[in-house]
Amino acid sequence: MKKFRYSAAGIAFCLLLSFPGLSIAQNDLPQIIPVEQTSLSTPLLNDVKFVGFKMILPAGFDNEVAHRHQGDIFGYVLKGSVEMVMENNIPKTYSNGEIFHEKYRELHRSYRNPNTSHPAEVLMIFISPAIESQKTANN
C-alpha cells in the first residue's frame, strides 16, 4: 500500500478517501484548514510528526465509512458538537471545549455533526511517524 509522508495535503487527501460512500454534494464535505506541521524535538521522538488542522463539518454531515488511523489523534471541539462511534460501538457526543482521543489503529466506525443547522469546528492533532491512506474495518 502506498504511504504518504505526514503533511497537511496528505491528511486532507486521506480524509477525503474516507468519503466515497457518502450521498452528499461535494461542497458538503468537511473543510480542512492546515494549522501547523512540524517534527517533534524530543530525541526519542525526532521521527514523529505533529500535524494540526481545523476541520469544519457541515451541518448534518454524517460519515459512516469505518477506518483506522496510523497514529494517535486528539480533537478539541471549537464550535458545535461532534458525535463519534469508535470500536466499542457506543455513540459519544463531544461539545464545545471538550477533547477526545483516538488511539493508534483504533477502529473509528463513524462521526457526524448532529446539528442540521450549523457547522461544527474541531481542532485536530495527528501524532504519527507516517500516514497511510485510510483503511476500512476489514483491514
N, C-alpha and C. Protein backbone atom coordinates (compact mmCIF):
# COMPACT_ATOMS: atom_id res chain seq x y z
N MET A 1 0.84 -1.17 0.00
CA MET A 1 0.00 0.00 0.00
C MET A 1 0.89 1.23 0.00
N LYS A 2 0.55 2.21 -0.81
CA LYS A 2 1.33 3.43 -0.90
C LYS A 2 1.23 4.23 0.39
N LYS A 3 2.36 4.71 0.88
CA LYS A 3 2.38 5.51 2.10
C LYS A 3 2.61 6.97 1.76
N PHE A 4 2.04 7.83 2.57
CA PHE A 4 2.20 9.27 2.41
C PHE A 4 3.01 9.79 3.57
N ARG A 5 3.92 10.73 3.32
CA ARG A 5 4.57 11.42 4.43
C ARG A 5 3.50 12.28 5.09
N TYR A 6 3.65 12.53 6.33
CA TYR A 6 2.65 13.26 7.11
C TYR A 6 2.67 14.73 6.72
N SER A 7 1.73 15.14 5.92
CA SER A 7 1.61 16.54 5.53
C SER A 7 0.15 16.93 5.57
N ALA A 8 -0.10 18.21 5.62
CA ALA A 8 -1.50 18.67 5.63
C ALA A 8 -2.21 18.20 4.37
N ALA A 9 -1.52 18.27 3.23
CA ALA A 9 -2.13 17.81 1.98
C ALA A 9 -2.40 16.31 2.03
N GLY A 10 -1.45 15.54 2.60
CA GLY A 10 -1.65 14.09 2.71
C GLY A 10 -2.81 13.75 3.62
N ILE A 11 -2.93 14.47 4.72
CA ILE A 11 -4.05 14.23 5.63
C ILE A 11 -5.37 14.55 4.95
N ALA A 12 -5.43 15.69 4.27
CA ALA A 12 -6.66 16.07 3.58
C ALA A 12 -7.02 15.01 2.54
N PHE A 13 -6.02 14.53 1.78
CA PHE A 13 -6.27 13.50 0.78
C PHE A 13 -6.80 12.23 1.43
N CYS A 14 -6.16 11.80 2.53
CA CYS A 14 -6.58 10.57 3.21
C CYS A 14 -7.96 10.71 3.82
N LEU A 15 -8.27 11.88 4.36
CA LEU A 15 -9.61 12.09 4.90
C LEU A 15 -10.66 12.01 3.80
N LEU A 16 -10.36 12.59 2.66
CA LEU A 16 -11.32 12.54 1.57
C LEU A 16 -11.52 11.13 1.04
N LEU A 17 -10.49 10.28 1.17
CA LEU A 17 -10.66 8.88 0.77
C LEU A 17 -11.69 8.17 1.64
N SER A 18 -11.97 8.72 2.80
CA SER A 18 -12.93 8.10 3.71
C SER A 18 -14.37 8.33 3.28
N PHE A 19 -14.62 9.17 2.29
CA PHE A 19 -15.97 9.60 1.98
C PHE A 19 -16.59 9.01 0.71
N PRO A 20 -16.04 7.99 0.06
CA PRO A 20 -16.59 7.59 -1.23
C PRO A 20 -18.04 7.10 -1.17
N GLY A 21 -18.49 6.57 -0.06
CA GLY A 21 -19.84 6.03 0.03
C GLY A 21 -20.90 7.06 0.41
N LEU A 22 -20.51 8.29 0.61
CA LEU A 22 -21.46 9.30 1.04
C LEU A 22 -22.34 9.76 -0.11
N SER A 23 -23.59 10.06 0.21
CA SER A 23 -24.52 10.53 -0.83
C SER A 23 -24.84 12.00 -0.59
N ILE A 24 -23.80 12.81 -0.42
CA ILE A 24 -23.99 14.23 -0.21
C ILE A 24 -23.25 14.99 -1.31
N ALA A 25 -23.62 16.23 -1.51
CA ALA A 25 -22.97 17.04 -2.53
C ALA A 25 -21.51 17.27 -2.17
N GLN A 26 -20.65 17.40 -3.18
CA GLN A 26 -19.22 17.60 -2.97
C GLN A 26 -18.95 18.80 -2.06
N ASN A 27 -19.73 19.88 -2.20
CA ASN A 27 -19.49 21.06 -1.37
C ASN A 27 -19.96 20.86 0.07
N ASP A 28 -20.54 19.70 0.38
CA ASP A 28 -20.95 19.40 1.75
C ASP A 28 -19.92 18.54 2.48
N LEU A 29 -18.75 18.34 1.88
CA LEU A 29 -17.68 17.60 2.55
C LEU A 29 -17.00 18.50 3.57
N PRO A 30 -16.35 17.91 4.57
CA PRO A 30 -15.64 18.73 5.56
C PRO A 30 -14.57 19.60 4.91
N GLN A 31 -14.38 20.76 5.48
CA GLN A 31 -13.33 21.67 5.04
C GLN A 31 -12.13 21.45 5.96
N ILE A 32 -10.94 21.29 5.37
CA ILE A 32 -9.71 21.05 6.11
C ILE A 32 -8.82 22.29 5.98
N ILE A 33 -8.48 22.90 7.12
CA ILE A 33 -7.64 24.10 7.12
C ILE A 33 -6.36 23.79 7.90
N PRO A 34 -5.21 23.69 7.21
CA PRO A 34 -3.95 23.40 7.91
C PRO A 34 -3.63 24.48 8.94
N VAL A 35 -3.09 24.04 10.10
CA VAL A 35 -2.73 24.96 11.17
C VAL A 35 -1.22 24.90 11.43
N GLU A 36 -0.68 23.70 11.59
CA GLU A 36 0.73 23.53 11.94
C GLU A 36 1.21 22.16 11.53
N GLN A 37 2.48 22.08 11.13
CA GLN A 37 3.12 20.80 10.84
C GLN A 37 4.58 20.91 11.24
N THR A 38 5.05 19.97 12.05
CA THR A 38 6.44 20.00 12.50
C THR A 38 6.86 18.62 12.99
N SER A 39 8.15 18.40 13.05
CA SER A 39 8.68 17.20 13.70
C SER A 39 8.85 17.51 15.17
N LEU A 40 8.69 16.51 16.02
CA LEU A 40 8.89 16.71 17.45
C LEU A 40 10.39 16.81 17.74
N SER A 41 10.76 17.56 18.75
CA SER A 41 12.17 17.82 19.03
C SER A 41 12.78 16.90 20.08
N THR A 42 11.97 16.13 20.79
CA THR A 42 12.48 15.18 21.78
C THR A 42 13.32 14.13 21.05
N PRO A 43 14.57 13.87 21.47
CA PRO A 43 15.43 12.94 20.72
C PRO A 43 14.79 11.59 20.40
N LEU A 44 14.08 10.99 21.34
CA LEU A 44 13.46 9.69 21.07
C LEU A 44 12.29 9.79 20.11
N LEU A 45 11.80 10.99 19.86
CA LEU A 45 10.63 11.19 19.00
C LEU A 45 10.94 12.02 17.76
N ASN A 46 12.20 12.12 17.37
CA ASN A 46 12.55 13.03 16.28
C ASN A 46 12.00 12.60 14.91
N ASP A 47 11.54 11.37 14.76
CA ASP A 47 10.90 10.94 13.51
C ASP A 47 9.38 11.06 13.57
N VAL A 48 8.87 11.54 14.69
CA VAL A 48 7.43 11.66 14.86
C VAL A 48 6.96 13.02 14.38
N LYS A 49 5.86 13.03 13.65
CA LYS A 49 5.30 14.27 13.12
C LYS A 49 4.10 14.72 13.93
N PHE A 50 3.97 16.00 14.05
CA PHE A 50 2.81 16.65 14.68
C PHE A 50 2.15 17.44 13.56
N VAL A 51 0.90 17.14 13.29
CA VAL A 51 0.16 17.86 12.25
C VAL A 51 -1.16 18.33 12.86
N GLY A 52 -1.39 19.62 12.78
CA GLY A 52 -2.63 20.20 13.29
C GLY A 52 -3.42 20.85 12.17
N PHE A 53 -4.72 20.69 12.22
CA PHE A 53 -5.59 21.36 11.26
C PHE A 53 -6.96 21.55 11.87
N LYS A 54 -7.69 22.51 11.33
CA LYS A 54 -9.07 22.71 11.75
C LYS A 54 -9.96 22.02 10.73
N MET A 55 -10.89 21.22 11.23
CA MET A 55 -11.85 20.54 10.36
C MET A 55 -13.23 21.14 10.64
N ILE A 56 -13.88 21.59 9.58
CA ILE A 56 -15.22 22.14 9.68
C ILE A 56 -16.19 21.13 9.07
N LEU A 57 -17.07 20.59 9.92
CA LEU A 57 -18.07 19.62 9.47
C LEU A 57 -19.35 20.38 9.13
N PRO A 58 -19.83 20.28 7.90
CA PRO A 58 -21.07 20.96 7.53
C PRO A 58 -22.26 20.51 8.39
N ALA A 59 -23.26 21.32 8.47
CA ALA A 59 -24.49 20.99 9.20
C ALA A 59 -25.02 19.64 8.71
N GLY A 60 -25.29 18.74 9.64
CA GLY A 60 -25.86 17.44 9.31
C GLY A 60 -24.90 16.44 8.68
N PHE A 61 -23.61 16.77 8.56
CA PHE A 61 -22.64 15.86 7.95
C PHE A 61 -22.61 14.54 8.69
N ASP A 62 -22.54 13.42 7.95
CA ASP A 62 -22.54 12.09 8.54
C ASP A 62 -21.62 11.19 7.72
N ASN A 63 -20.58 10.66 8.34
CA ASN A 63 -19.65 9.75 7.67
C ASN A 63 -19.69 8.41 8.39
N GLU A 64 -20.13 7.37 7.70
CA GLU A 64 -20.21 6.04 8.29
C GLU A 64 -19.24 5.08 7.63
N VAL A 65 -18.14 5.59 7.08
CA VAL A 65 -17.13 4.74 6.48
C VAL A 65 -16.11 4.39 7.56
N ALA A 66 -16.11 3.14 8.01
CA ALA A 66 -15.20 2.72 9.08
C ALA A 66 -13.75 2.79 8.59
N HIS A 67 -12.86 3.22 9.48
CA HIS A 67 -11.46 3.36 9.13
C HIS A 67 -10.59 3.34 10.39
N ARG A 68 -9.28 3.26 10.17
CA ARG A 68 -8.30 3.32 11.24
C ARG A 68 -7.23 4.33 10.83
N HIS A 69 -6.65 5.01 11.82
CA HIS A 69 -5.59 5.97 11.54
C HIS A 69 -4.25 5.38 11.96
N GLN A 70 -3.20 5.83 11.30
CA GLN A 70 -1.85 5.32 11.54
C GLN A 70 -1.11 6.14 12.60
N GLY A 71 -1.84 6.64 13.56
CA GLY A 71 -1.23 7.41 14.64
C GLY A 71 -2.32 7.83 15.62
N ASP A 72 -1.91 8.44 16.71
CA ASP A 72 -2.88 8.96 17.68
C ASP A 72 -3.45 10.27 17.17
N ILE A 73 -4.71 10.49 17.48
CA ILE A 73 -5.39 11.73 17.10
C ILE A 73 -6.05 12.30 18.33
N PHE A 74 -5.88 13.62 18.49
CA PHE A 74 -6.57 14.35 19.52
C PHE A 74 -7.44 15.39 18.84
N GLY A 75 -8.66 15.54 19.32
CA GLY A 75 -9.56 16.54 18.76
C GLY A 75 -10.10 17.42 19.87
N TYR A 76 -10.17 18.72 19.60
CA TYR A 76 -10.72 19.69 20.54
C TYR A 76 -11.87 20.40 19.83
N VAL A 77 -13.07 20.26 20.36
CA VAL A 77 -14.25 20.85 19.71
C VAL A 77 -14.26 22.35 19.98
N LEU A 78 -14.13 23.10 18.91
CA LEU A 78 -14.11 24.56 18.99
C LEU A 78 -15.51 25.16 18.94
N LYS A 79 -16.39 24.51 18.18
CA LYS A 79 -17.73 25.06 17.95
C LYS A 79 -18.68 23.92 17.61
N GLY A 80 -19.85 23.94 18.21
CA GLY A 80 -20.85 22.92 17.92
C GLY A 80 -20.57 21.63 18.67
N SER A 81 -20.95 20.51 18.06
CA SER A 81 -20.70 19.21 18.66
C SER A 81 -20.48 18.17 17.57
N VAL A 82 -19.81 17.09 17.97
CA VAL A 82 -19.47 16.00 17.05
C VAL A 82 -19.82 14.70 17.75
N GLU A 83 -20.54 13.84 17.07
CA GLU A 83 -20.84 12.51 17.61
C GLU A 83 -19.93 11.51 16.92
N MET A 84 -19.27 10.67 17.73
CA MET A 84 -18.36 9.67 17.19
C MET A 84 -18.74 8.29 17.70
N VAL A 85 -18.52 7.29 16.86
CA VAL A 85 -18.70 5.89 17.26
C VAL A 85 -17.36 5.20 16.98
N MET A 86 -16.77 4.68 18.05
CA MET A 86 -15.48 4.03 17.93
C MET A 86 -15.66 2.52 17.98
N GLU A 87 -14.58 1.81 18.26
CA GLU A 87 -14.56 0.36 18.25
C GLU A 87 -15.61 -0.26 19.17
N ASN A 88 -15.92 0.40 20.29
CA ASN A 88 -16.89 -0.15 21.25
C ASN A 88 -18.34 -0.04 20.77
N ASN A 89 -18.56 0.64 19.66
CA ASN A 89 -19.88 0.78 19.02
C ASN A 89 -20.87 1.59 19.86
N ILE A 90 -20.38 2.41 20.78
CA ILE A 90 -21.23 3.25 21.62
C ILE A 90 -21.07 4.71 21.18
N PRO A 91 -22.13 5.35 20.70
CA PRO A 91 -22.03 6.76 20.28
C PRO A 91 -21.65 7.66 21.47
N LYS A 92 -20.75 8.61 21.22
CA LYS A 92 -20.32 9.57 22.25
C LYS A 92 -20.31 10.94 21.59
N THR A 93 -20.95 11.91 22.23
CA THR A 93 -21.01 13.26 21.70
C THR A 93 -20.06 14.16 22.46
N TYR A 94 -19.26 14.93 21.73
CA TYR A 94 -18.32 15.90 22.28
C TYR A 94 -18.79 17.29 21.85
N SER A 95 -18.84 18.22 22.82
CA SER A 95 -19.34 19.57 22.56
C SER A 95 -18.25 20.60 22.81
N ASN A 96 -18.60 21.88 22.59
CA ASN A 96 -17.66 22.99 22.77
C ASN A 96 -16.76 22.78 23.98
N GLY A 97 -15.45 22.90 23.78
CA GLY A 97 -14.49 22.82 24.87
C GLY A 97 -14.10 21.43 25.29
N GLU A 98 -14.68 20.39 24.69
CA GLU A 98 -14.34 19.02 25.06
C GLU A 98 -13.27 18.47 24.11
N ILE A 99 -12.49 17.53 24.66
CA ILE A 99 -11.41 16.92 23.89
C ILE A 99 -11.65 15.41 23.78
N PHE A 100 -11.23 14.83 22.66
CA PHE A 100 -11.31 13.38 22.50
C PHE A 100 -9.97 12.86 22.00
N HIS A 101 -9.76 11.56 22.17
CA HIS A 101 -8.52 10.91 21.76
C HIS A 101 -8.87 9.63 21.02
N GLU A 102 -8.32 9.49 19.83
CA GLU A 102 -8.43 8.24 19.07
C GLU A 102 -7.07 7.57 19.13
N LYS A 103 -7.02 6.36 19.64
CA LYS A 103 -5.76 5.64 19.77
C LYS A 103 -5.31 5.11 18.41
N TYR A 104 -4.02 4.89 18.31
CA TYR A 104 -3.40 4.30 17.12
C TYR A 104 -4.16 3.04 16.70
N ARG A 105 -4.60 3.01 15.45
CA ARG A 105 -5.27 1.87 14.82
C ARG A 105 -6.61 1.49 15.47
N GLU A 106 -7.17 2.33 16.35
CA GLU A 106 -8.49 2.05 16.92
C GLU A 106 -9.54 2.20 15.82
N LEU A 107 -10.45 1.28 15.75
CA LEU A 107 -11.49 1.33 14.72
C LEU A 107 -12.41 2.53 14.97
N HIS A 108 -12.50 3.37 13.98
CA HIS A 108 -13.36 4.56 14.03
C HIS A 108 -14.52 4.28 13.09
N ARG A 109 -15.66 3.93 13.67
CA ARG A 109 -16.81 3.48 12.87
C ARG A 109 -17.53 4.62 12.16
N SER A 110 -17.72 5.76 12.84
CA SER A 110 -18.42 6.88 12.20
C SER A 110 -18.23 8.16 13.00
N TYR A 111 -18.52 9.27 12.36
CA TYR A 111 -18.58 10.56 13.03
C TYR A 111 -19.56 11.44 12.27
N ARG A 112 -20.20 12.35 13.02
CA ARG A 112 -21.18 13.20 12.38
C ARG A 112 -21.38 14.49 13.16
N ASN A 113 -21.93 15.47 12.47
CA ASN A 113 -22.37 16.71 13.09
C ASN A 113 -23.86 16.56 13.31
N PRO A 114 -24.32 16.38 14.55
CA PRO A 114 -25.74 16.16 14.78
C PRO A 114 -26.62 17.39 14.56
N ASN A 115 -26.01 18.56 14.46
CA ASN A 115 -26.77 19.79 14.24
C ASN A 115 -27.02 19.96 12.75
N THR A 116 -28.28 20.03 12.35
CA THR A 116 -28.64 20.15 10.93
C THR A 116 -28.71 21.60 10.47
N SER A 117 -28.43 22.56 11.37
CA SER A 117 -28.50 23.98 11.01
C SER A 117 -27.14 24.68 10.99
N HIS A 118 -26.18 24.19 11.79
CA HIS A 118 -24.91 24.89 11.93
C HIS A 118 -23.73 23.94 11.80
N PRO A 119 -22.62 24.41 11.23
CA PRO A 119 -21.43 23.56 11.14
C PRO A 119 -20.78 23.37 12.51
N ALA A 120 -19.97 22.35 12.61
CA ALA A 120 -19.15 22.09 13.80
C ALA A 120 -17.69 22.31 13.41
N GLU A 121 -16.88 22.79 14.35
CA GLU A 121 -15.46 23.01 14.10
C GLU A 121 -14.64 22.27 15.15
N VAL A 122 -13.62 21.56 14.67
CA VAL A 122 -12.77 20.76 15.55
C VAL A 122 -11.31 21.01 15.19
N LEU A 123 -10.48 21.29 16.21
CA LEU A 123 -9.04 21.36 16.02
C LEU A 123 -8.52 19.94 16.14
N MET A 124 -7.92 19.41 15.08
CA MET A 124 -7.44 18.04 15.05
C MET A 124 -5.91 18.03 15.13
N ILE A 125 -5.37 17.15 15.96
CA ILE A 125 -3.93 16.99 16.10
C ILE A 125 -3.59 15.53 15.82
N PHE A 126 -2.79 15.28 14.77
CA PHE A 126 -2.32 13.95 14.43
C PHE A 126 -0.87 13.84 14.92
N ILE A 127 -0.55 12.74 15.58
CA ILE A 127 0.81 12.48 16.03
C ILE A 127 1.18 11.08 15.52
N SER A 128 2.12 11.03 14.57
CA SER A 128 2.45 9.76 13.93
C SER A 128 3.74 9.88 13.14
N PRO A 129 4.47 8.77 12.96
CA PRO A 129 5.68 8.81 12.13
C PRO A 129 5.35 8.92 10.65
N ALA A 130 4.21 8.42 10.23
CA ALA A 130 3.79 8.46 8.83
C ALA A 130 2.31 8.19 8.79
N ILE A 131 1.71 8.40 7.63
CA ILE A 131 0.28 8.13 7.48
C ILE A 131 0.05 7.35 6.20
N GLU A 132 -0.79 6.36 6.28
CA GLU A 132 -1.21 5.61 5.10
C GLU A 132 -2.61 6.07 4.74
N SER A 133 -3.03 5.71 3.55
CA SER A 133 -4.42 6.02 3.20
C SER A 133 -5.32 5.25 4.15
N GLN A 134 -6.51 5.76 4.36
CA GLN A 134 -7.44 5.17 5.32
C GLN A 134 -7.75 3.75 4.92
N LYS A 135 -7.99 2.90 5.91
CA LYS A 135 -8.36 1.50 5.68
C LYS A 135 -9.74 1.27 6.21
N THR A 136 -10.47 0.38 5.61
CA THR A 136 -11.80 0.04 6.10
C THR A 136 -11.69 -0.92 7.26
N ALA A 137 -12.81 -1.23 7.86
CA ALA A 137 -12.84 -2.10 9.06
C ALA A 137 -12.25 -3.47 8.78
N ASN A 138 -12.23 -3.91 7.54
CA ASN A 138 -11.74 -5.25 7.21
C ASN A 138 -10.23 -5.32 7.19
N ASN A 139 -9.53 -4.19 7.22
CA ASN A 139 -8.05 -4.21 7.14
C ASN A 139 -7.41 -3.95 8.47
